[in-house]
Amino acid sequence: MKRVRRDEVVDFQTYTERRESVRQSAQAAKGVRRVHVGEHLTFLFENAETMRYQVQEMMRVERIVREADIQHEIDTYNELLGDSGELGCTLLVEIEDAAERDVKLQRWLDLPEHLYAKLEDGTQVRATIDERQRSRGRLSSVQYLKFRTVGRVPVALGTDHPDLNIETVLSPETRAALRADLDS
């Protein structure tokens, strides 16, 4: 998977001038890589364009100008992309009601172990998680996951958690975008 390179990142002032067109392009890239699984789970597969957008937004908001700090942002976001043959994604657990969200995030502490990408041959590739996102008694509502598909494109995403037994078939557009990401 292609990474964000330092020479692709501009200073926050230049970015601010170009922000609207960059934002539109990044949103389009995110849109085709966004997969809803059931009522509460949204998977957002990341690529170099979506991560570059995140780096630029962070630099703009925090007014980052020091070279070491810029490189730190790039390295941090690149880590989310995964290695060769992996697909990196952000999982959003979306529950509007705060009380309900708190209860479910406690009950779903083991949810990441129940997430999978299904390949064409029916093989289920389990998600690996960034353990820094898990606390002792509660799942974070934002998780960073990787699926080691060994370069194969998933046909579906799902969960076999006892509370959430759901699977969503990926659209042809999503599969094509993930294929392009794996080939980059």
C-alpha atoms as a PDB file:
ATOM      1  CA  MET A   1       0.000   0.000   0.000  1.00  0.00           C
ATOM      2  CA  LYS A   2       1.287   3.420  -0.952  1.00  0.00           C
ATOM      3  CA  ARG A   3       2.315   5.648   1.969  1.00  0.00           C
ATOM      4  CA  VAL A   4       2.075   9.385   2.524  1.00  0.00           C
ATOM      5  CA  ARG A   5       5.403  10.954   1.607  1.00  0.00           C
ATOM      6  CA  ARG A   6       6.784  14.156   3.103  1.00  0.00           C
ATOM      7  CA  ASP A   7       7.086  15.787  -0.330  1.00  0.00           C
ATOM      8  CA  GLU A   8       3.298  15.400  -0.792  1.00  0.00           C
ATOM      9  CA  VAL A   9       2.501  17.418   2.325  1.00  0.00           C
ATOM     10  CA  VAL A  10       2.388  21.196   2.088  1.00  0.00           C
ATOM     11  CA  ASP A  11       2.565  23.840   4.788  1.00  0.00           C
ATOM     12  CA  PHE A  12      -0.743  24.591   6.508  1.00  0.00           C
ATOM     13  CA  GLN A  13      -1.138  27.998   4.861  1.00  0.00           C
ATOM     14  CA  THR A  14      -0.798  26.570   1.340  1.00  0.00           C
ATOM     15  CA  TYR A  15      -3.097  23.711   2.330  1.00  0.00           C
ATOM     16  CA  THR A  16      -5.701  26.171   3.612  1.00  0.00           C
ATOM     17  CA  GLU A  17      -5.754  27.827   0.193  1.00  0.00           C
ATOM     18  CA  ARG A  18      -6.362  24.442  -1.497  1.00  0.00           C
ATOM     19  CA  ARG A  19      -8.449  22.912   1.259  1.00  0.00           C
ATOM     20  CA  GLU A  20     -11.845  22.793  -0.413  1.00  0.00           C
ATOM     21  CA  SER A  21     -10.699  20.851  -3.481  1.00  0.00           C
ATOM     22  CA  VAL A  22      -8.526  18.519  -1.364  1.00  0.00           C
ATOM     23  CA  ARG A  23     -11.436  17.943   1.019  1.00  0.00           C
ATOM     24  CA  GLN A  24     -13.824  17.099  -1.828  1.00  0.00           C
ATOM     25  CA  SER A  25     -11.401  14.585  -3.304  1.00  0.00           C
ATOM     26  CA  ALA A  26     -10.695  12.994   0.099  1.00  0.00           C
ATOM     27  CA  GLN A  27     -14.418  12.753   0.884  1.00  0.00           C
ATOM     28  CA  ALA A  28     -15.016  11.006  -2.440  1.00  0.00           C
ATOM     29  CA  ALA A  29     -12.197   8.557  -1.654  1.00  0.00           C
ATOM     30  CA  LYS A  30     -13.660   7.932   1.801  1.00  0.00           C
ATOM     31  CA  GLY A  31     -17.184   7.520   0.440  1.00  0.00           C
ATOM     32  CA  VAL A  32     -16.354   4.545  -1.742  1.00  0.00           C
ATOM     33  CA  ARG A  33     -14.292   2.991   1.093  1.00  0.00           C
ATOM     34  CA  ARG A  34     -17.003   3.393   3.773  1.00  0.00           C
ATOM     35  CA  VAL A  35     -18.886   0.197   4.664  1.00  0.00           C
ATOM     36  CA  HIS A  36     -21.792   0.035   7.114  1.00  0.00           C
ATOM     37  CA  VAL A  37     -22.228  -3.254   8.915  1.00  0.00           C
ATOM     38  CA  GLY A  38     -25.528  -3.252  10.726  1.00  0.00           C
ATOM     39  CA  GLU A  39     -26.887  -0.290  12.588  1.00  0.00           C
ATOM     40  CA  HIS A  40     -23.831   0.668  14.628  1.00  0.00           C
ATOM     41  CA  LEU A  41     -20.608  -0.291  12.818  1.00  0.00           C
ATOM     42  CA  THR A  42     -18.938   1.735  10.082  1.00  0.00           C
ATOM     43  CA  PHE A  43     -15.661   0.603   8.562  1.00  0.00           C
ATOM     44  CA  LEU A  44     -13.650   3.270   6.739  1.00  0.00           C
ATOM     45  CA  PHE A  45     -10.806   1.783   4.722  1.00  0.00           C
ATOM     46  CA  GLU A  46      -7.887   4.166   4.551  1.00  0.00           C
ATOM     47  CA  ASN A  47      -5.422   4.887   1.777  1.00  0.00           C
ATOM     48  CA  ALA A  48      -2.658   7.415   1.139  1.00  0.00           C
ATOM     49  CA  GLU A  49      -5.131  10.086   0.008  1.00  0.00           C
ATOM     50  CA  THR A  50      -7.368   9.798   3.086  1.00  0.00           C
ATOM     51  CA  MET A  51      -4.345   9.750   5.394  1.00  0.00           C
ATOM     52  CA  ARG A  52      -2.685  12.722   3.650  1.00  0.00           C
ATOM     53  CA  TYR A  53      -5.925  14.639   4.170  1.00  0.00           C
ATOM     54  CA  GLN A  54      -5.852  13.739   7.882  1.00  0.00           C
ATOM     55  CA  VAL A  55      -2.218  14.868   8.186  1.00  0.00           C
ATOM     56  CA  GLN A  56      -2.986  18.176   6.440  1.00  0.00           C
ATOM     57  CA  GLU A  57      -6.047  18.775   8.608  1.00  0.00           C
ATOM     58  CA  MET A  58      -4.046  18.091  11.775  1.00  0.00           C
ATOM     59  CA  MET A  59      -1.315  20.483  10.645  1.00  0.00           C
ATOM     60  CA  ARG A  60      -3.911  23.168   9.863  1.00  0.00           C
ATOM     61  CA  VAL A  61      -5.851  22.837  13.111  1.00  0.00           C
ATOM     62  CA  GLU A  62      -2.779  22.587  15.340  1.00  0.00           C
ATOM     63  CA  ARG A  63      -0.664  25.008  13.265  1.00  0.00           C
ATOM     64  CA  ILE A  64       2.151  22.466  13.000  1.00  0.00           C
ATOM     65  CA  VAL A  65       5.272  23.868  11.340  1.00  0.00           C
ATOM     66  CA  ARG A  66       8.253  22.090  12.909  1.00  0.00           C
ATOM     67  CA  GLU A  67       9.668  19.471  10.559  1.00  0.00           C
ATOM     68  CA  ALA A  68       9.956  16.832  13.298  1.00  0.00           C
ATOM     69  CA  ASP A  69       6.298  17.338  14.237  1.00  0.00           C
ATOM     70  CA  ILE A  70       5.171  17.103  10.603  1.00  0.00           C
ATOM     71  CA  GLN A  71       7.115  13.864  10.167  1.00  0.00           C
ATOM     72  CA  HIS A  72       5.602  12.513  13.382  1.00  0.00           C
ATOM     73  CA  GLU A  73       2.089  13.111  11.989  1.00  0.00           C
ATOM     74  CA  ILE A  74       2.997  11.416   8.710  1.00  0.00           C
ATOM     75  CA  ASP A  75       4.497   8.408  10.521  1.00  0.00           C
ATOM     76  CA  THR A  76       1.502   8.124  12.845  1.00  0.00           C
ATOM     77  CA  TYR A  77      -1.065   8.143  10.047  1.00  0.00           C
ATOM     78  CA  ASN A  78       1.013   5.865   7.790  1.00  0.00           C
ATOM     79  CA  GLU A  79       0.989   3.291  10.582  1.00  0.00           C
ATOM     80  CA  LEU A  80      -2.786   2.980  10.145  1.00  0.00           C
ATOM     81  CA  LEU A  81      -2.456   1.907   6.504  1.00  0.00           C
ATOM     82  CA  GLY A  82      -1.042  -1.525   7.160  1.00  0.00           C
ATOM     83  CA  ASP A  83       1.827  -3.332   5.523  1.00  0.00           C
ATOM     84  CA  SER A  84       2.009  -5.009   2.143  1.00  0.00           C
ATOM     85  CA  GLY A  85      -1.017  -7.275   1.675  1.00  0.00           C
ATOM     86  CA  GLU A  86      -2.962  -5.593   4.482  1.00  0.00           C
ATOM     87  CA  LEU A  87      -5.939  -3.283   4.448  1.00  0.00           C
ATOM     88  CA  GLY A  88      -6.044  -0.710   7.234  1.00  0.00           C
ATOM     89  CA  CYS A  89      -9.311   0.782   8.359  1.00  0.00           C
ATOM     90  CA  THR A  90     -10.927   2.857  11.024  1.00  0.00           C
ATOM     91  CA  LEU A  91     -13.917   1.297  12.751  1.00  0.00           C
ATOM     92  CA  LEU A  92     -16.485   3.710  14.109  1.00  0.00           C
ATOM     93  CA  VAL A  93     -18.976   2.385  16.643  1.00  0.00           C
ATOM     94  CA  GLU A  94     -21.834   4.822  16.155  1.00  0.00           C
ATOM     95  CA  ILE A  95     -24.428   4.965  18.901  1.00  0.00           C
ATOM     96  CA  GLU A  96     -26.020   8.373  19.456  1.00  0.00           C
ATOM     97  CA  ASP A  97     -27.512   7.825  22.897  1.00  0.00           C
ATOM     98  CA  ALA A  98     -24.672   8.243  25.416  1.00  0.00           C
ATOM     99  CA  ALA A  99     -26.124   5.868  28.029  1.00  0.00           C
ATOM    100  CA  GLU A 100     -26.778   3.148  25.449  1.00  0.00           C
ATOM    101  CA  ARG A 101     -23.315   3.709  23.946  1.00  0.00           C
ATOM    102  CA  ASP A 102     -21.634   3.297  27.338  1.00  0.00           C
ATOM    103  CA  VAL A 103     -23.457   0.028  28.058  1.00  0.00           C
ATOM    104  CA  LYS A 104     -22.733  -1.445  24.634  1.00  0.00           C
ATOM    105  CA  LEU A 105     -19.076  -0.420  24.595  1.00  0.00           C
ATOM    106  CA  GLN A 106     -18.639  -2.248  27.893  1.00  0.00           C
ATOM    107  CA  ARG A 107     -20.513  -5.304  26.612  1.00  0.00           C
ATOM    108  CA  TRP A 108     -18.648  -5.255  23.287  1.00  0.00           C
ATOM    109  CA  LEU A 109     -15.137  -5.114  24.761  1.00  0.00           C
ATOM    110  CA  ASP A 110     -14.242  -8.240  22.762  1.00  0.00           C
ATOM    111  CA  LEU A 111     -15.837  -7.012  19.512  1.00  0.00           C
ATOM    112  CA  PRO A 112     -12.520  -6.634  17.612  1.00  0.00           C
ATOM    113  CA  GLU A 113     -11.871 -10.370  17.951  1.00  0.00           C
ATOM    114  CA  HIS A 114     -15.213 -11.019  16.248  1.00  0.00           C
ATOM    115  CA  LEU A 115     -14.676  -8.844  13.172  1.00  0.00           C
ATOM    116  CA  TYR A 116     -13.761 -10.384   9.845  1.00  0.00           C
ATOM    117  CA  ALA A 117     -13.288  -9.748   6.156  1.00  0.00           C
ATOM    118  CA  LYS A 118     -14.635 -12.540   3.968  1.00  0.00           C
ATOM    119  CA  LEU A 119     -12.674 -13.430   0.849  1.00  0.00           C
ATOM    120  CA  GLU A 120     -14.054 -14.866  -2.408  1.00  0.00           C
ATOM    121  CA  ASP A 121     -13.248 -18.435  -1.364  1.00  0.00           C
ATOM    122  CA  GLY A 122     -15.203 -17.994   1.899  1.00  0.00           C
ATOM    123  CA  THR A 123     -12.110 -17.626   4.090  1.00  0.00           C
ATOM    124  CA  GLN A 124     -12.595 -15.243   6.990  1.00  0.00           C
ATOM    125  CA  VAL A 125      -9.624 -13.012   7.780  1.00  0.00           C
ATOM    126  CA  ARG A 126      -9.848 -11.742  11.354  1.00  0.00           C
ATOM    127  CA  ALA A 127      -9.104  -8.143  12.189  1.00  0.00           C
ATOM    128  CA  THR A 128      -6.063  -7.229  14.207  1.00  0.00           C
ATOM    129  CA  ILE A 129      -6.387  -4.197  16.433  1.00  0.00           C
ATOM    130  CA  ASP A 130      -4.181  -1.536  17.865  1.00  0.00           C
ATOM    131  CA  GLU A 131      -4.234  -2.586  21.527  1.00  0.00           C
ATOM    132  CA  ARG A 132      -3.555   1.017  22.551  1.00  0.00           C
ATOM    133  CA  GLN A 133      -7.217   1.695  21.686  1.00  0.00           C
ATOM    134  CA  ARG A 134      -8.622  -0.690  24.278  1.00  0.00           C
ATOM    135  CA  SER A 135      -9.086   0.189  27.912  1.00  0.00           C
ATOM    136  CA  ARG A 136      -9.821  -2.099  30.807  1.00  0.00           C
ATOM    137  CA  GLY A 137     -13.559  -2.127  30.918  1.00  0.00           C
ATOM    138  CA  ARG A 138     -14.733  -0.478  27.753  1.00  0.00           C
ATOM    139  CA  LEU A 139     -14.128  -0.536  24.021  1.00  0.00           C
ATOM    140  CA  SER A 140     -13.235   2.788  22.414  1.00  0.00           C
ATOM    141  CA  SER A 141     -15.834   3.958  19.887  1.00  0.00           C
ATOM    142  CA  VAL A 142     -13.000   4.437  17.377  1.00  0.00           C
ATOM    143  CA  GLN A 143     -10.775   1.470  16.570  1.00  0.00           C
ATOM    144  CA  TYR A 144      -7.873   1.112  14.152  1.00  0.00           C
ATOM    145  CA  LEU A 145      -7.934  -2.277  12.460  1.00  0.00           C
ATOM    146  CA  LYS A 146      -5.955  -4.193   9.891  1.00  0.00           C
ATOM    147  CA  PHE A 147      -7.018  -7.133   7.781  1.00  0.00           C
ATOM    148  CA  ARG A 148      -4.137  -9.268   6.475  1.00  0.00           C
ATOM    149  CA  THR A 149      -5.749 -10.354   3.217  1.00  0.00           C
ATOM    150  CA  VAL A 150      -2.388 -11.163   1.586  1.00  0.00           C
ATOM    151  CA  GLY A 151      -3.356  -8.889  -1.267  1.00  0.00           C
ATOM    152  CA  ARG A 152      -6.773 -10.438  -1.862  1.00  0.00           C
ATOM    153  CA  VAL A 153      -9.824  -8.183  -1.977  1.00  0.00           C
ATOM    154  CA  PRO A 154     -12.635  -8.926   0.508  1.00  0.00           C
ATOM    155  CA  VAL A 155     -16.153  -9.533  -0.773  1.00  0.00           C
ATOM    156  CA  ALA A 156     -17.852  -8.905   2.591  1.00  0.00           C
ATOM    157  CA  LEU A 157     -17.280  -7.592   6.117  1.00  0.00           C
ATOM    158  CA  GLY A 158     -18.940  -8.951   9.187  1.00  0.00           C
ATOM    159  CA  THR A 159     -19.031  -9.755  12.843  1.00  0.00           C
ATOM    160  CA  ASP A 160     -19.887 -12.959  14.638  1.00  0.00           C
ATOM    161  CA  HIS A 161     -20.100 -11.326  18.069  1.00  0.00           C
ATOM    162  CA  PRO A 162     -22.960 -12.894  20.077  1.00  0.00           C
ATOM    163  CA  ASP A 163     -24.766  -9.516  20.178  1.00  0.00           C
ATOM    164  CA  LEU A 164     -24.017  -8.661  16.542  1.00  0.00           C
ATOM    165  CA  ASN A 165     -24.156 -11.417  13.969  1.00  0.00           C
ATOM    166  CA  ILE A 166     -24.136  -9.354  10.782  1.00  0.00           C
ATOM    167  CA  GLU A 167     -22.459  -9.437   7.389  1.00  0.00           C
ATOM    168  CA  THR A 168     -22.431  -6.831   4.613  1.00  0.00           C
ATOM    169  CA  VAL A 169     -21.471  -7.591   1.017  1.00  0.00           C
ATOM    170  CA  LEU A 170     -19.066  -5.041  -0.446  1.00  0.00           C
ATOM    171  CA  SER A 171     -20.191  -3.121  -3.513  1.00  0.00           C
ATOM    172  CA  PRO A 172     -18.273  -3.536  -6.769  1.00  0.00           C
ATOM    173  CA  GLU A 173     -17.078   0.086  -6.368  1.00  0.00           C
ATOM    174  CA  THR A 174     -15.683  -0.602  -2.897  1.00  0.00           C
ATOM    175  CA  ARG A 175     -13.967  -3.768  -4.085  1.00  0.00           C
ATOM    176  CA  ALA A 176     -12.399  -1.887  -7.018  1.00  0.00           C
ATOM    177  CA  ALA A 177     -11.122   0.860  -4.675  1.00  0.00           C
ATOM    178  CA  LEU A 178      -9.623  -1.711  -2.290  1.00  0.00           C
ATOM    179  CA  ARG A 179      -8.010  -3.537  -5.237  1.00  0.00           C
ATOM    180  CA  ALA A 180      -6.407  -0.261  -6.347  1.00  0.00           C
ATOM    181  CA  ASP A 181      -5.165   0.362  -2.794  1.00  0.00           C
ATOM    182  CA  LEU A 182      -3.654  -3.115  -2.510  1.00  0.00           C
ATOM    183  CA  ASP A 183      -1.970  -2.696  -5.916  1.00  0.00           C
ATOM    184  CA  SER A 184      -0.501   0.727  -5.102  1.00  0.00           C
END
